[in-house]
Amino acid sequence: MARASIPKSVQARAFERDGWTCQHCGRPVVFAPALRAMEFLAASMGRFAKRGWHHSSWRRDRAPLLHELGAEVGVRGDATGAVSDVSACLTSCRACRMRDGMEDPIEYARRTAPQRPRVPGPGTAWDGFSTLFLRVAARHPGWASPAERGWVEALEGARVTETKRRRRGQAGTGRAGTAGRGGSPPSRLNSP
């Protein structure tokens, strides 16, 4: 039986909460519609040959960055909540998401730990190019597809929610919240 799809609003909140970082390997992830927006901007500035930034099927030979680091949200293996509950979801890069069903995540993390690249941790300004996507969609309303207009709404809502959550965390402790960008690193691989 196929699992229900995760609503865009939940995915966007998970991306923001996790600081646009894969929760399996720690690499920064890229928001796929933003790469399409980059191709649109480059083409609108004059002569432009496609450079392999975006492909609708995420093909490795046509869009290698998207194939490896495209942002996806998956349901945690130990999750008991519904897919509409952001606490049951986590951000993954495309490479880890493709391995998800092929290998035990804990074994994968143990095996790949030495090769894990050094990346900016939570608290950095990395946003997976989502701000670029929002600005292109705002300046060129006819450019965005109906699905991308849904992402605009979801991302804007998630940013408001995440900002409020961080402020609540700061008000009670005098420091940034404890999850996502504002505090300690997010848990990896559903650690207890």
C-alpha atoms as a PDB file:
ATOM      1  CA  MET A   1       0.000   0.000   0.000  1.00  0.00           C
ATOM      2  CA  ALA A   2       1.426   3.383  -0.981  1.00  0.00           C
ATOM      3  CA  ARG A   3       2.002   5.911   1.747  1.00  0.00           C
ATOM      4  CA  ALA A   4       0.049   9.178   1.546  1.00  0.00           C
ATOM      5  CA  SER A   5       1.982  12.087   0.091  1.00  0.00           C
ATOM      6  CA  ILE A   6       3.360  14.633   2.526  1.00  0.00           C
ATOM      7  CA  PRO A   7       1.661  18.049   2.222  1.00  0.00           C
ATOM      8  CA  LYS A   8       3.886  20.870   0.927  1.00  0.00           C
ATOM      9  CA  SER A   9       3.233  22.892   4.080  1.00  0.00           C
ATOM     10  CA  VAL A  10       4.639  20.045   6.220  1.00  0.00           C
ATOM     11  CA  GLN A  11       7.624  19.565   3.897  1.00  0.00           C
ATOM     12  CA  ALA A  12       8.415  23.290   3.974  1.00  0.00           C
ATOM     13  CA  ARG A  13       8.258  23.332   7.797  1.00  0.00           C
ATOM     14  CA  ALA A  14      10.602  20.318   7.924  1.00  0.00           C
ATOM     15  CA  PHE A  15      13.086  22.033   5.560  1.00  0.00           C
ATOM     16  CA  GLU A  16      13.089  25.173   7.724  1.00  0.00           C
ATOM     17  CA  ARG A  17      13.276  23.234  11.002  1.00  0.00           C
ATOM     18  CA  ASP A  18      16.193  21.108   9.754  1.00  0.00           C
ATOM     19  CA  GLY A  19      18.094  24.123   8.413  1.00  0.00           C
ATOM     20  CA  TRP A  20      18.008  22.801   4.822  1.00  0.00           C
ATOM     21  CA  THR A  21      20.442  20.045   5.866  1.00  0.00           C
ATOM     22  CA  CYS A  22      20.151  16.295   5.231  1.00  0.00           C
ATOM     23  CA  GLN A  23      19.427  14.606   8.547  1.00  0.00           C
ATOM     24  CA  HIS A  24      21.193  11.405   7.399  1.00  0.00           C
ATOM     25  CA  CYS A  25      24.555  12.653   6.109  1.00  0.00           C
ATOM     26  CA  GLY A  26      24.674  16.308   7.204  1.00  0.00           C
ATOM     27  CA  ARG A  27      25.096  17.773   3.712  1.00  0.00           C
ATOM     28  CA  PRO A  28      23.220  20.936   2.716  1.00  0.00           C
ATOM     29  CA  VAL A  29      20.267  20.292   0.415  1.00  0.00           C
ATOM     30  CA  VAL A  30      19.011  22.257  -2.589  1.00  0.00           C
ATOM     31  CA  PHE A  31      15.390  23.234  -3.247  1.00  0.00           C
ATOM     32  CA  ALA A  32      14.619  21.843  -6.731  1.00  0.00           C
ATOM     33  CA  PRO A  33      12.244  24.610  -7.897  1.00  0.00           C
ATOM     34  CA  ALA A  34      14.968  27.158  -7.104  1.00  0.00           C
ATOM     35  CA  LEU A  35      17.263  25.526  -9.661  1.00  0.00           C
ATOM     36  CA  ARG A  36      14.525  25.862 -12.265  1.00  0.00           C
ATOM     37  CA  ALA A  37      14.210  29.530 -11.235  1.00  0.00           C
ATOM     38  CA  MET A  38      17.968  29.963 -11.728  1.00  0.00           C
ATOM     39  CA  GLU A  39      17.695  28.570 -15.270  1.00  0.00           C
ATOM     40  CA  PHE A  40      14.814  30.962 -15.957  1.00  0.00           C
ATOM     41  CA  LEU A  41      16.804  33.959 -14.673  1.00  0.00           C
ATOM     42  CA  ALA A  42      19.895  33.042 -16.658  1.00  0.00           C
ATOM     43  CA  ALA A  43      17.845  32.588 -19.844  1.00  0.00           C
ATOM     44  CA  SER A  44      16.048  35.906 -19.308  1.00  0.00           C
ATOM     45  CA  MET A  45      19.394  37.728 -19.121  1.00  0.00           C
ATOM     46  CA  GLY A  46      20.361  36.876 -22.673  1.00  0.00           C
ATOM     47  CA  ARG A  47      22.004  34.078 -24.544  1.00  0.00           C
ATOM     48  CA  PHE A  48      22.012  30.977 -22.407  1.00  0.00           C
ATOM     49  CA  ALA A  49      22.607  27.310 -23.067  1.00  0.00           C
ATOM     50  CA  LYS A  50      21.138  24.941 -20.505  1.00  0.00           C
ATOM     51  CA  ARG A  51      23.816  24.131 -17.983  1.00  0.00           C
ATOM     52  CA  GLY A  52      22.288  21.167 -16.209  1.00  0.00           C
ATOM     53  CA  TRP A  53      20.896  22.964 -13.192  1.00  0.00           C
ATOM     54  CA  HIS A  54      17.404  21.473 -13.320  1.00  0.00           C
ATOM     55  CA  HIS A  55      15.613  18.520 -14.881  1.00  0.00           C
ATOM     56  CA  SER A  56      12.009  17.596 -14.127  1.00  0.00           C
ATOM     57  CA  SER A  57      12.977  13.923 -13.637  1.00  0.00           C
ATOM     58  CA  TRP A  58      16.087  14.740 -11.552  1.00  0.00           C
ATOM     59  CA  ARG A  59      18.276  12.827 -14.042  1.00  0.00           C
ATOM     60  CA  ARG A  60      21.917  12.504 -13.044  1.00  0.00           C
ATOM     61  CA  ASP A  61      23.172  13.140 -16.595  1.00  0.00           C
ATOM     62  CA  ARG A  62      21.019  16.268 -16.987  1.00  0.00           C
ATOM     63  CA  ALA A  63      21.140  17.793 -13.479  1.00  0.00           C
ATOM     64  CA  PRO A  64      23.891  16.258 -11.296  1.00  0.00           C
ATOM     65  CA  LEU A  65      23.542  18.708  -8.388  1.00  0.00           C
ATOM     66  CA  LEU A  66      19.816  18.155  -8.188  1.00  0.00           C
ATOM     67  CA  HIS A  67      20.253  14.376  -8.467  1.00  0.00           C
ATOM     68  CA  GLU A  68      22.604  14.308  -5.456  1.00  0.00           C
ATOM     69  CA  LEU A  69      21.460  17.151  -3.206  1.00  0.00           C
ATOM     70  CA  GLY A  70      17.843  17.773  -4.154  1.00  0.00           C
ATOM     71  CA  ALA A  71      15.825  18.335  -0.982  1.00  0.00           C
ATOM     72  CA  GLU A  72      13.240  15.700  -0.093  1.00  0.00           C
ATOM     73  CA  VAL A  73      11.206  15.064   3.022  1.00  0.00           C
ATOM     74  CA  GLY A  74      10.688  11.523   4.226  1.00  0.00           C
ATOM     75  CA  VAL A  75       8.830   9.973   7.113  1.00  0.00           C
ATOM     76  CA  ARG A  76      11.103   8.840   9.937  1.00  0.00           C
ATOM     77  CA  GLY A  77      11.331   5.084  10.325  1.00  0.00           C
ATOM     78  CA  ASP A  78      10.306   5.213  13.982  1.00  0.00           C
ATOM     79  CA  ALA A  79       7.530   7.756  13.418  1.00  0.00           C
ATOM     80  CA  THR A  80       4.112   6.924  14.785  1.00  0.00           C
ATOM     81  CA  GLY A  81       2.376  10.142  13.742  1.00  0.00           C
ATOM     82  CA  ALA A  82       0.585  10.917  10.511  1.00  0.00           C
ATOM     83  CA  VAL A  83       2.421  12.313   7.490  1.00  0.00           C
ATOM     84  CA  SER A  84       0.695  15.616   8.226  1.00  0.00           C
ATOM     85  CA  ASP A  85       2.713  15.877  11.471  1.00  0.00           C
ATOM     86  CA  VAL A  86       6.050  17.643  10.914  1.00  0.00           C
ATOM     87  CA  SER A  87       7.621  15.816  13.880  1.00  0.00           C
ATOM     88  CA  ALA A  88       7.240  12.544  11.932  1.00  0.00           C
ATOM     89  CA  CYS A  89       9.247  13.934   8.988  1.00  0.00           C
ATOM     90  CA  LEU A  90      12.882  14.735   8.292  1.00  0.00           C
ATOM     91  CA  THR A  91      14.859  16.392   5.501  1.00  0.00           C
ATOM     92  CA  SER A  92      17.008  14.179   3.273  1.00  0.00           C
ATOM     93  CA  CYS A  93      19.232  14.748   0.285  1.00  0.00           C
ATOM     94  CA  ARG A  94      18.282  12.814  -2.834  1.00  0.00           C
ATOM     95  CA  ALA A  95      21.284  10.483  -2.513  1.00  0.00           C
ATOM     96  CA  CYS A  96      20.351   9.389   1.031  1.00  0.00           C
ATOM     97  CA  ARG A  97      16.670   9.146   0.148  1.00  0.00           C
ATOM     98  CA  MET A  98      17.485   6.790  -2.731  1.00  0.00           C
ATOM     99  CA  ARG A  99      19.507   4.585  -0.356  1.00  0.00           C
ATOM    100  CA  ASP A 100      16.743   4.708   2.250  1.00  0.00           C
ATOM    101  CA  GLY A 101      15.142   1.412   1.263  1.00  0.00           C
ATOM    102  CA  MET A 102      18.384  -0.304   0.299  1.00  0.00           C
ATOM    103  CA  GLU A 103      20.379  -0.065   3.492  1.00  0.00           C
ATOM    104  CA  ASP A 104      19.784   0.279   7.205  1.00  0.00           C
ATOM    105  CA  PRO A 105      20.177   4.026   8.000  1.00  0.00           C
ATOM    106  CA  ILE A 106      22.243   3.385  11.144  1.00  0.00           C
ATOM    107  CA  GLU A 107      24.603   1.065   9.266  1.00  0.00           C
ATOM    108  CA  TYR A 108      24.837   3.627   6.458  1.00  0.00           C
ATOM    109  CA  ALA A 109      25.724   6.396   8.943  1.00  0.00           C
ATOM    110  CA  ARG A 110      28.368   4.234  10.624  1.00  0.00           C
ATOM    111  CA  ARG A 111      29.903   3.213   7.308  1.00  0.00           C
ATOM    112  CA  THR A 112      29.981   6.719   5.827  1.00  0.00           C
ATOM    113  CA  ALA A 113      30.888   8.750   8.912  1.00  0.00           C
ATOM    114  CA  PRO A 114      34.583   9.277   8.005  1.00  0.00           C
ATOM    115  CA  GLN A 115      33.678  10.582   4.536  1.00  0.00           C
ATOM    116  CA  ARG A 116      31.043  12.971   5.794  1.00  0.00           C
ATOM    117  CA  PRO A 117      31.876  16.400   4.335  1.00  0.00           C
ATOM    118  CA  ARG A 118      32.334  19.406   6.553  1.00  0.00           C
ATOM    119  CA  VAL A 119      29.299  21.577   6.015  1.00  0.00           C
ATOM    120  CA  PRO A 120      27.820  24.605   7.691  1.00  0.00           C
ATOM    121  CA  GLY A 121      25.795  23.419  10.641  1.00  0.00           C
ATOM    122  CA  PRO A 122      22.497  24.675  11.955  1.00  0.00           C
ATOM    123  CA  GLY A 123      22.547  28.368  12.682  1.00  0.00           C
ATOM    124  CA  THR A 124      23.945  29.318   9.284  1.00  0.00           C
ATOM    125  CA  ALA A 125      22.120  31.246   6.621  1.00  0.00           C
ATOM    126  CA  TRP A 126      21.864  28.303   4.173  1.00  0.00           C
ATOM    127  CA  ASP A 127      18.356  28.029   2.756  1.00  0.00           C
ATOM    128  CA  GLY A 128      18.694  25.668  -0.206  1.00  0.00           C
ATOM    129  CA  PHE A 129      18.163  28.597  -2.616  1.00  0.00           C
ATOM    130  CA  SER A 130      14.556  28.882  -1.410  1.00  0.00           C
ATOM    131  CA  THR A 131      14.833  32.686  -1.029  1.00  0.00           C
ATOM    132  CA  LEU A 132      15.939  32.943  -4.660  1.00  0.00           C
ATOM    133  CA  PHE A 133      12.946  30.831  -5.669  1.00  0.00           C
ATOM    134  CA  LEU A 134      10.541  33.059  -3.694  1.00  0.00           C
ATOM    135  CA  ARG A 135      11.988  36.243  -5.209  1.00  0.00           C
ATOM    136  CA  VAL A 136      11.804  34.943  -8.793  1.00  0.00           C
ATOM    137  CA  ALA A 137       8.217  33.800  -8.217  1.00  0.00           C
ATOM    138  CA  ALA A 138       7.303  37.231  -6.782  1.00  0.00           C
ATOM    139  CA  ARG A 139       8.923  39.206  -9.625  1.00  0.00           C
ATOM    140  CA  HIS A 140       7.697  36.932 -12.423  1.00  0.00           C
ATOM    141  CA  PRO A 141       4.253  35.653 -11.361  1.00  0.00           C
ATOM    142  CA  GLY A 142       3.547  34.019 -14.732  1.00  0.00           C
ATOM    143  CA  TRP A 143       6.717  31.931 -14.506  1.00  0.00           C
ATOM    144  CA  ALA A 144       5.633  29.666 -11.648  1.00  0.00           C
ATOM    145  CA  SER A 145       3.594  26.540 -12.363  1.00  0.00           C
ATOM    146  CA  PRO A 146       0.559  25.761 -10.169  1.00  0.00           C
ATOM    147  CA  ALA A 147       2.700  23.326  -8.149  1.00  0.00           C
ATOM    148  CA  GLU A 148       5.368  25.994  -7.650  1.00  0.00           C
ATOM    149  CA  ARG A 149       2.733  28.525  -6.553  1.00  0.00           C
ATOM    150  CA  GLY A 150       1.788  25.946  -3.907  1.00  0.00           C
ATOM    151  CA  TRP A 151       5.439  25.883  -2.804  1.00  0.00           C
ATOM    152  CA  VAL A 152       5.462  29.698  -2.525  1.00  0.00           C
ATOM    153  CA  GLU A 153       2.545  29.554  -0.114  1.00  0.00           C
ATOM    154  CA  ALA A 154       4.039  26.637   1.846  1.00  0.00           C
ATOM    155  CA  LEU A 155       7.510  28.199   2.170  1.00  0.00           C
ATOM    156  CA  GLU A 156       6.173  31.575   3.268  1.00  0.00           C
ATOM    157  CA  GLY A 157       3.977  29.881   5.890  1.00  0.00           C
ATOM    158  CA  ALA A 158       6.859  27.720   7.118  1.00  0.00           C
ATOM    159  CA  ARG A 159       9.128  30.732   7.555  1.00  0.00           C
ATOM    160  CA  VAL A 160       6.529  32.509   9.658  1.00  0.00           C
ATOM    161  CA  THR A 161       6.000  29.361  11.765  1.00  0.00           C
ATOM    162  CA  GLU A 162       9.753  28.755  12.219  1.00  0.00           C
ATOM    163  CA  THR A 163      10.385  32.402  13.168  1.00  0.00           C
ATOM    164  CA  LYS A 164       7.649  32.230  15.814  1.00  0.00           C
ATOM    165  CA  ARG A 165       9.020  28.919  17.126  1.00  0.00           C
ATOM    166  CA  ARG A 166      12.526  30.348  17.426  1.00  0.00           C
ATOM    167  CA  ARG A 167      11.250  33.439  19.217  1.00  0.00           C
ATOM    168  CA  ARG A 168       9.368  31.276  21.734  1.00  0.00           C
ATOM    169  CA  GLY A 169      12.578  29.291  22.339  1.00  0.00           C
ATOM    170  CA  GLN A 170      14.580  32.487  22.873  1.00  0.00           C
ATOM    171  CA  ALA A 171      12.019  34.047  25.195  1.00  0.00           C
ATOM    172  CA  GLY A 172      12.148  31.214  27.716  1.00  0.00           C
ATOM    173  CA  THR A 173      15.886  30.509  27.759  1.00  0.00           C
ATOM    174  CA  GLY A 174      17.602  33.711  26.749  1.00  0.00           C
ATOM    175  CA  ARG A 175      19.213  31.892  23.811  1.00  0.00           C
ATOM    176  CA  ALA A 176      18.217  30.430  20.478  1.00  0.00           C
ATOM    177  CA  GLY A 177      15.838  27.472  20.272  1.00  0.00           C
ATOM    178  CA  THR A 178      17.178  23.964  20.578  1.00  0.00           C
ATOM    179  CA  ALA A 179      16.377  22.569  17.154  1.00  0.00           C
ATOM    180  CA  GLY A 180      17.009  23.535  13.570  1.00  0.00           C
ATOM    181  CA  ARG A 181      19.055  26.605  12.764  1.00  0.00           C
ATOM    182  CA  GLY A 182      18.848  28.361  16.100  1.00  0.00           C
ATOM    183  CA  GLY A 183      20.395  25.930  18.578  1.00  0.00           C
ATOM    184  CA  SER A 184      22.143  22.622  18.917  1.00  0.00           C
ATOM    185  CA  PRO A 185      22.544  20.399  15.870  1.00  0.00           C
ATOM    186  CA  PRO A 186      19.485  18.386  14.854  1.00  0.00           C
ATOM    187  CA  SER A 187      19.483  14.720  15.702  1.00  0.00           C
ATOM    188  CA  ARG A 188      20.874  12.428  13.038  1.00  0.00           C
ATOM    189  CA  LEU A 189      19.250   9.176  11.986  1.00  0.00           C
ATOM    190  CA  ASN A 190      16.464   9.191  14.521  1.00  0.00           C
ATOM    191  CA  SER A 191      18.873   8.955  17.439  1.00  0.00           C
ATOM    192  CA  PRO A 192      17.263   8.313  20.818  1.00  0.00           C
END
